[in-house]
Amino acid sequence: MITCVVHYTIDPARIDAFERFAREWMRLVAEHGGVHHGYFLPAEGASDRAEALFSFESLAAYERYRSRFGTDPEFIAADRIRDESGCVRRYDRTFMRPLLPD
């Protein structure tokens, strides 16, 4: 299993657009073989940080999902929410392997 952790810097004034963007990506990950563990948004005070975690059974499975970027109309539409609203200022990904309790 491989887990992708996405670190976002968001525009707090556009949190509604970010939530629309996030809901679309949760749906798309699930429809394309992944397990989405959710988006984690600011809860108190001013913050421009958000995180997302989702897993695929392998790096190869993630790469099959990732190959749809820029070509699949649903993926393009989900990214358009981000691009047109300006809700995401920047993001980066880290790939991790989970260590779970026995």
N, C-alpha and C. Protein backbone atom coordinates (compact mmCIF):
# COMPACT_ATOMS: atom_id res chain seq x y z
N MET A 1 0.85 -1.18 0.00
CA MET A 1 0.00 0.00 0.00
C MET A 1 0.89 1.23 0.00
N ILE A 2 0.43 2.24 -0.73
CA ILE A 2 1.11 3.53 -0.76
C ILE A 2 0.08 4.62 -0.46
N THR A 3 0.46 5.55 0.40
CA THR A 3 -0.43 6.65 0.76
C THR A 3 0.18 7.95 0.26
N CYS A 4 -0.64 8.71 -0.42
CA CYS A 4 -0.24 10.03 -0.90
C CYS A 4 -0.77 11.06 0.08
N VAL A 5 0.14 11.89 0.59
CA VAL A 5 -0.23 12.99 1.48
C VAL A 5 -0.01 14.26 0.68
N VAL A 6 -1.08 15.03 0.52
CA VAL A 6 -0.99 16.28 -0.24
C VAL A 6 -1.10 17.44 0.76
N HIS A 7 -0.08 18.29 0.73
CA HIS A 7 -0.02 19.46 1.61
C HIS A 7 -0.44 20.67 0.77
N TYR A 8 -1.48 21.35 1.21
CA TYR A 8 -2.01 22.51 0.48
C TYR A 8 -1.78 23.80 1.24
N THR A 9 -1.48 24.85 0.52
CA THR A 9 -1.62 26.21 1.01
C THR A 9 -2.84 26.75 0.28
N ILE A 10 -3.85 27.12 1.04
CA ILE A 10 -5.14 27.51 0.45
C ILE A 10 -5.42 28.99 0.73
N ASP A 11 -6.40 29.50 0.00
CA ASP A 11 -6.91 30.84 0.27
C ASP A 11 -8.08 30.68 1.23
N PRO A 12 -7.93 31.08 2.50
CA PRO A 12 -9.01 30.88 3.47
C PRO A 12 -10.31 31.57 3.09
N ALA A 13 -10.24 32.60 2.27
CA ALA A 13 -11.45 33.30 1.83
C ALA A 13 -12.21 32.49 0.78
N ARG A 14 -11.60 31.43 0.27
CA ARG A 14 -12.22 30.60 -0.77
C ARG A 14 -12.40 29.16 -0.31
N ILE A 15 -12.65 28.98 0.97
CA ILE A 15 -12.78 27.64 1.54
C ILE A 15 -13.95 26.87 0.92
N ASP A 16 -15.04 27.56 0.57
CA ASP A 16 -16.17 26.87 -0.06
C ASP A 16 -15.76 26.25 -1.39
N ALA A 17 -14.99 26.96 -2.19
CA ALA A 17 -14.50 26.42 -3.46
C ALA A 17 -13.55 25.25 -3.20
N PHE A 18 -12.70 25.38 -2.17
CA PHE A 18 -11.80 24.27 -1.86
C PHE A 18 -12.58 23.02 -1.46
N GLU A 19 -13.65 23.19 -0.70
CA GLU A 19 -14.47 22.04 -0.32
C GLU A 19 -15.12 21.39 -1.53
N ARG A 20 -15.59 22.18 -2.50
CA ARG A 20 -16.14 21.61 -3.74
C ARG A 20 -15.07 20.82 -4.49
N PHE A 21 -13.88 21.39 -4.60
CA PHE A 21 -12.74 20.74 -5.23
C PHE A 21 -12.43 19.42 -4.51
N ALA A 22 -12.36 19.46 -3.19
CA ALA A 22 -12.03 18.28 -2.40
C ALA A 22 -13.07 17.18 -2.55
N ARG A 23 -14.34 17.52 -2.53
CA ARG A 23 -15.40 16.50 -2.68
C ARG A 23 -15.30 15.80 -4.04
N GLU A 24 -14.97 16.55 -5.07
CA GLU A 24 -14.80 15.92 -6.40
C GLU A 24 -13.63 14.94 -6.40
N TRP A 25 -12.51 15.32 -5.79
CA TRP A 25 -11.35 14.44 -5.77
C TRP A 25 -11.57 13.23 -4.88
N MET A 26 -12.32 13.36 -3.80
CA MET A 26 -12.63 12.18 -2.99
C MET A 26 -13.43 11.18 -3.82
N ARG A 27 -14.39 11.67 -4.58
CA ARG A 27 -15.21 10.80 -5.43
C ARG A 27 -14.34 10.15 -6.51
N LEU A 28 -13.49 10.92 -7.16
CA LEU A 28 -12.68 10.39 -8.25
C LEU A 28 -11.67 9.35 -7.77
N VAL A 29 -11.04 9.59 -6.64
CA VAL A 29 -10.10 8.60 -6.09
C VAL A 29 -10.84 7.28 -5.84
N ALA A 30 -12.01 7.35 -5.21
CA ALA A 30 -12.77 6.13 -4.91
C ALA A 30 -13.20 5.42 -6.19
N GLU A 31 -13.62 6.17 -7.19
CA GLU A 31 -14.08 5.56 -8.44
C GLU A 31 -12.94 4.92 -9.23
N HIS A 32 -11.71 5.32 -8.95
CA HIS A 32 -10.58 4.83 -9.73
C HIS A 32 -9.63 3.98 -8.91
N GLY A 33 -10.18 3.29 -7.89
CA GLY A 33 -9.44 2.25 -7.20
C GLY A 33 -8.71 2.63 -5.93
N GLY A 34 -8.83 3.87 -5.51
CA GLY A 34 -8.15 4.29 -4.29
C GLY A 34 -9.10 4.36 -3.10
N VAL A 35 -8.52 4.59 -1.95
CA VAL A 35 -9.28 4.81 -0.72
C VAL A 35 -8.91 6.20 -0.24
N HIS A 36 -9.89 7.10 -0.19
CA HIS A 36 -9.61 8.46 0.28
C HIS A 36 -9.85 8.51 1.78
N HIS A 37 -8.88 9.03 2.51
CA HIS A 37 -8.97 9.13 3.97
C HIS A 37 -9.46 10.50 4.41
N GLY A 38 -9.73 11.37 3.44
CA GLY A 38 -10.32 12.66 3.74
C GLY A 38 -9.37 13.83 3.54
N TYR A 39 -9.98 14.99 3.57
CA TYR A 39 -9.28 16.27 3.56
C TYR A 39 -9.36 16.81 4.98
N PHE A 40 -8.32 17.43 5.42
CA PHE A 40 -8.27 17.99 6.76
C PHE A 40 -8.08 19.49 6.61
N LEU A 41 -9.11 20.22 7.04
CA LEU A 41 -9.21 21.67 6.81
C LEU A 41 -9.02 22.43 8.11
N PRO A 42 -8.70 23.70 8.01
CA PRO A 42 -8.57 24.51 9.23
C PRO A 42 -9.84 24.46 10.06
N ALA A 43 -9.67 24.32 11.37
CA ALA A 43 -10.83 24.22 12.26
C ALA A 43 -11.02 25.46 13.12
N GLU A 44 -9.93 26.07 13.54
CA GLU A 44 -10.03 27.24 14.41
C GLU A 44 -8.99 28.25 14.00
N GLY A 45 -9.35 29.51 14.12
CA GLY A 45 -8.40 30.56 13.83
C GLY A 45 -8.08 30.68 12.35
N ALA A 46 -7.30 31.65 12.02
CA ALA A 46 -6.89 31.86 10.63
C ALA A 46 -5.82 30.85 10.26
N SER A 47 -6.06 30.14 9.19
CA SER A 47 -5.07 29.18 8.73
C SER A 47 -5.21 29.01 7.22
N ASP A 48 -4.08 28.83 6.58
CA ASP A 48 -4.08 28.60 5.14
C ASP A 48 -3.55 27.21 4.80
N ARG A 49 -3.62 26.28 5.75
CA ARG A 49 -3.12 24.92 5.56
C ARG A 49 -4.26 23.92 5.46
N ALA A 50 -4.11 22.98 4.56
CA ALA A 50 -5.04 21.85 4.46
C ALA A 50 -4.23 20.64 4.02
N GLU A 51 -4.74 19.47 4.33
CA GLU A 51 -4.05 18.22 3.99
C GLU A 51 -5.07 17.25 3.41
N ALA A 52 -4.59 16.36 2.57
CA ALA A 52 -5.41 15.26 2.06
C ALA A 52 -4.58 13.99 2.11
N LEU A 53 -5.24 12.88 2.41
CA LEU A 53 -4.57 11.58 2.42
C LEU A 53 -5.42 10.58 1.65
N PHE A 54 -4.79 9.86 0.75
CA PHE A 54 -5.48 8.78 0.05
C PHE A 54 -4.48 7.69 -0.29
N SER A 55 -4.98 6.46 -0.40
CA SER A 55 -4.11 5.31 -0.60
C SER A 55 -4.52 4.51 -1.82
N PHE A 56 -3.53 3.86 -2.41
CA PHE A 56 -3.73 2.89 -3.48
C PHE A 56 -2.97 1.63 -3.08
N GLU A 57 -3.38 0.51 -3.65
CA GLU A 57 -2.77 -0.77 -3.27
C GLU A 57 -1.28 -0.83 -3.62
N SER A 58 -0.85 -0.06 -4.60
CA SER A 58 0.55 -0.07 -5.01
C SER A 58 0.87 1.22 -5.77
N LEU A 59 2.16 1.45 -5.99
CA LEU A 59 2.56 2.59 -6.79
C LEU A 59 2.05 2.45 -8.22
N ALA A 60 2.03 1.23 -8.74
CA ALA A 60 1.51 1.00 -10.09
C ALA A 60 0.04 1.37 -10.19
N ALA A 61 -0.75 1.03 -9.17
CA ALA A 61 -2.18 1.40 -9.16
C ALA A 61 -2.33 2.91 -9.11
N TYR A 62 -1.51 3.58 -8.31
CA TYR A 62 -1.54 5.05 -8.26
C TYR A 62 -1.19 5.62 -9.63
N GLU A 63 -0.19 5.07 -10.28
CA GLU A 63 0.24 5.58 -11.58
C GLU A 63 -0.85 5.41 -12.64
N ARG A 64 -1.62 4.31 -12.57
CA ARG A 64 -2.76 4.13 -13.49
C ARG A 64 -3.79 5.25 -13.27
N TYR A 65 -4.10 5.53 -12.01
CA TYR A 65 -5.01 6.63 -11.66
C TYR A 65 -4.44 7.96 -12.16
N ARG A 66 -3.18 8.18 -11.90
CA ARG A 66 -2.53 9.46 -12.25
C ARG A 66 -2.46 9.67 -13.76
N SER A 67 -2.45 8.60 -14.54
CA SER A 67 -2.36 8.72 -16.00
C SER A 67 -3.59 9.40 -16.60
N ARG A 68 -4.66 9.50 -15.84
CA ARG A 68 -5.89 10.12 -16.32
C ARG A 68 -5.86 11.65 -16.26
N PHE A 69 -4.90 12.20 -15.52
CA PHE A 69 -4.80 13.65 -15.39
C PHE A 69 -4.54 14.27 -16.76
N GLY A 70 -5.27 15.33 -17.05
CA GLY A 70 -5.08 16.05 -18.30
C GLY A 70 -5.79 15.44 -19.49
N THR A 71 -6.39 14.24 -19.31
CA THR A 71 -7.09 13.60 -20.43
C THR A 71 -8.54 13.25 -20.09
N ASP A 72 -8.79 12.81 -18.87
CA ASP A 72 -10.14 12.41 -18.46
C ASP A 72 -10.97 13.67 -18.19
N PRO A 73 -12.13 13.80 -18.83
CA PRO A 73 -12.95 15.01 -18.65
C PRO A 73 -13.34 15.29 -17.19
N GLU A 74 -13.58 14.25 -16.40
CA GLU A 74 -13.94 14.48 -14.99
C GLU A 74 -12.75 15.01 -14.20
N PHE A 75 -11.56 14.52 -14.48
CA PHE A 75 -10.37 15.01 -13.81
C PHE A 75 -10.11 16.47 -14.18
N ILE A 76 -10.28 16.77 -15.45
CA ILE A 76 -10.08 18.15 -15.92
C ILE A 76 -11.09 19.09 -15.25
N ALA A 77 -12.35 18.65 -15.15
CA ALA A 77 -13.39 19.48 -14.52
C ALA A 77 -13.09 19.71 -13.04
N ALA A 78 -12.59 18.68 -12.35
CA ALA A 78 -12.26 18.85 -10.93
C ALA A 78 -11.12 19.84 -10.76
N ASP A 79 -10.10 19.75 -11.60
CA ASP A 79 -9.00 20.70 -11.52
C ASP A 79 -9.44 22.12 -11.89
N ARG A 80 -10.43 22.23 -12.76
CA ARG A 80 -10.93 23.55 -13.14
C ARG A 80 -11.50 24.29 -11.94
N ILE A 81 -12.12 23.57 -11.00
CA ILE A 81 -12.63 24.22 -9.77
C ILE A 81 -11.48 24.93 -9.07
N ARG A 82 -10.36 24.24 -8.91
CA ARG A 82 -9.17 24.82 -8.26
C ARG A 82 -8.65 26.00 -9.05
N ASP A 83 -8.48 25.79 -10.35
CA ASP A 83 -7.85 26.81 -11.19
C ASP A 83 -8.69 28.07 -11.31
N GLU A 84 -9.99 27.92 -11.52
CA GLU A 84 -10.85 29.09 -11.72
C GLU A 84 -11.15 29.84 -10.43
N SER A 85 -11.18 29.13 -9.31
CA SER A 85 -11.51 29.80 -8.04
C SER A 85 -10.29 30.40 -7.36
N GLY A 86 -9.12 29.86 -7.63
CA GLY A 86 -7.93 30.31 -6.93
C GLY A 86 -7.87 29.85 -5.49
N CYS A 87 -8.61 28.80 -5.16
CA CYS A 87 -8.68 28.34 -3.77
C CYS A 87 -7.37 27.70 -3.29
N VAL A 88 -6.56 27.19 -4.22
CA VAL A 88 -5.28 26.58 -3.86
C VAL A 88 -4.16 27.50 -4.33
N ARG A 89 -3.33 27.90 -3.39
CA ARG A 89 -2.19 28.75 -3.74
C ARG A 89 -0.98 27.92 -4.16
N ARG A 90 -0.80 26.78 -3.49
CA ARG A 90 0.26 25.85 -3.85
C ARG A 90 -0.01 24.52 -3.18
N TYR A 91 0.63 23.48 -3.71
CA TYR A 91 0.51 22.16 -3.10
C TYR A 91 1.73 21.32 -3.46
N ASP A 92 1.98 20.31 -2.62
CA ASP A 92 3.02 19.33 -2.94
C ASP A 92 2.60 17.99 -2.36
N ARG A 93 3.18 16.94 -2.91
CA ARG A 93 2.82 15.58 -2.53
C ARG A 93 4.00 14.88 -1.85
N THR A 94 3.66 14.03 -0.91
CA THR A 94 4.62 13.13 -0.28
C THR A 94 4.02 11.74 -0.32
N PHE A 95 4.81 10.75 -0.68
CA PHE A 95 4.33 9.36 -0.68
C PHE A 95 4.87 8.66 0.55
N MET A 96 3.97 7.98 1.24
CA MET A 96 4.33 7.33 2.49
C MET A 96 3.76 5.92 2.50
N ARG A 97 4.28 5.11 3.39
CA ARG A 97 3.71 3.79 3.63
C ARG A 97 3.18 3.78 5.06
N PRO A 98 1.98 3.30 5.23
CA PRO A 98 1.41 3.33 6.59
C PRO A 98 2.01 2.25 7.48
N LEU A 99 2.19 2.58 8.72
CA LEU A 99 2.52 1.62 9.77
C LEU A 99 1.29 1.61 10.67
N LEU A 100 0.56 0.51 10.64
CA LEU A 100 -0.73 0.43 11.33
C LEU A 100 -0.61 -0.41 12.58
N PRO A 101 -1.50 -0.23 13.55
CA PRO A 101 -1.45 -1.06 14.76
C PRO A 101 -1.72 -2.54 14.41
N ASP A 102 -1.12 -3.42 15.21
CA ASP A 102 -1.33 -4.87 14.99
C ASP A 102 -2.74 -5.28 15.28
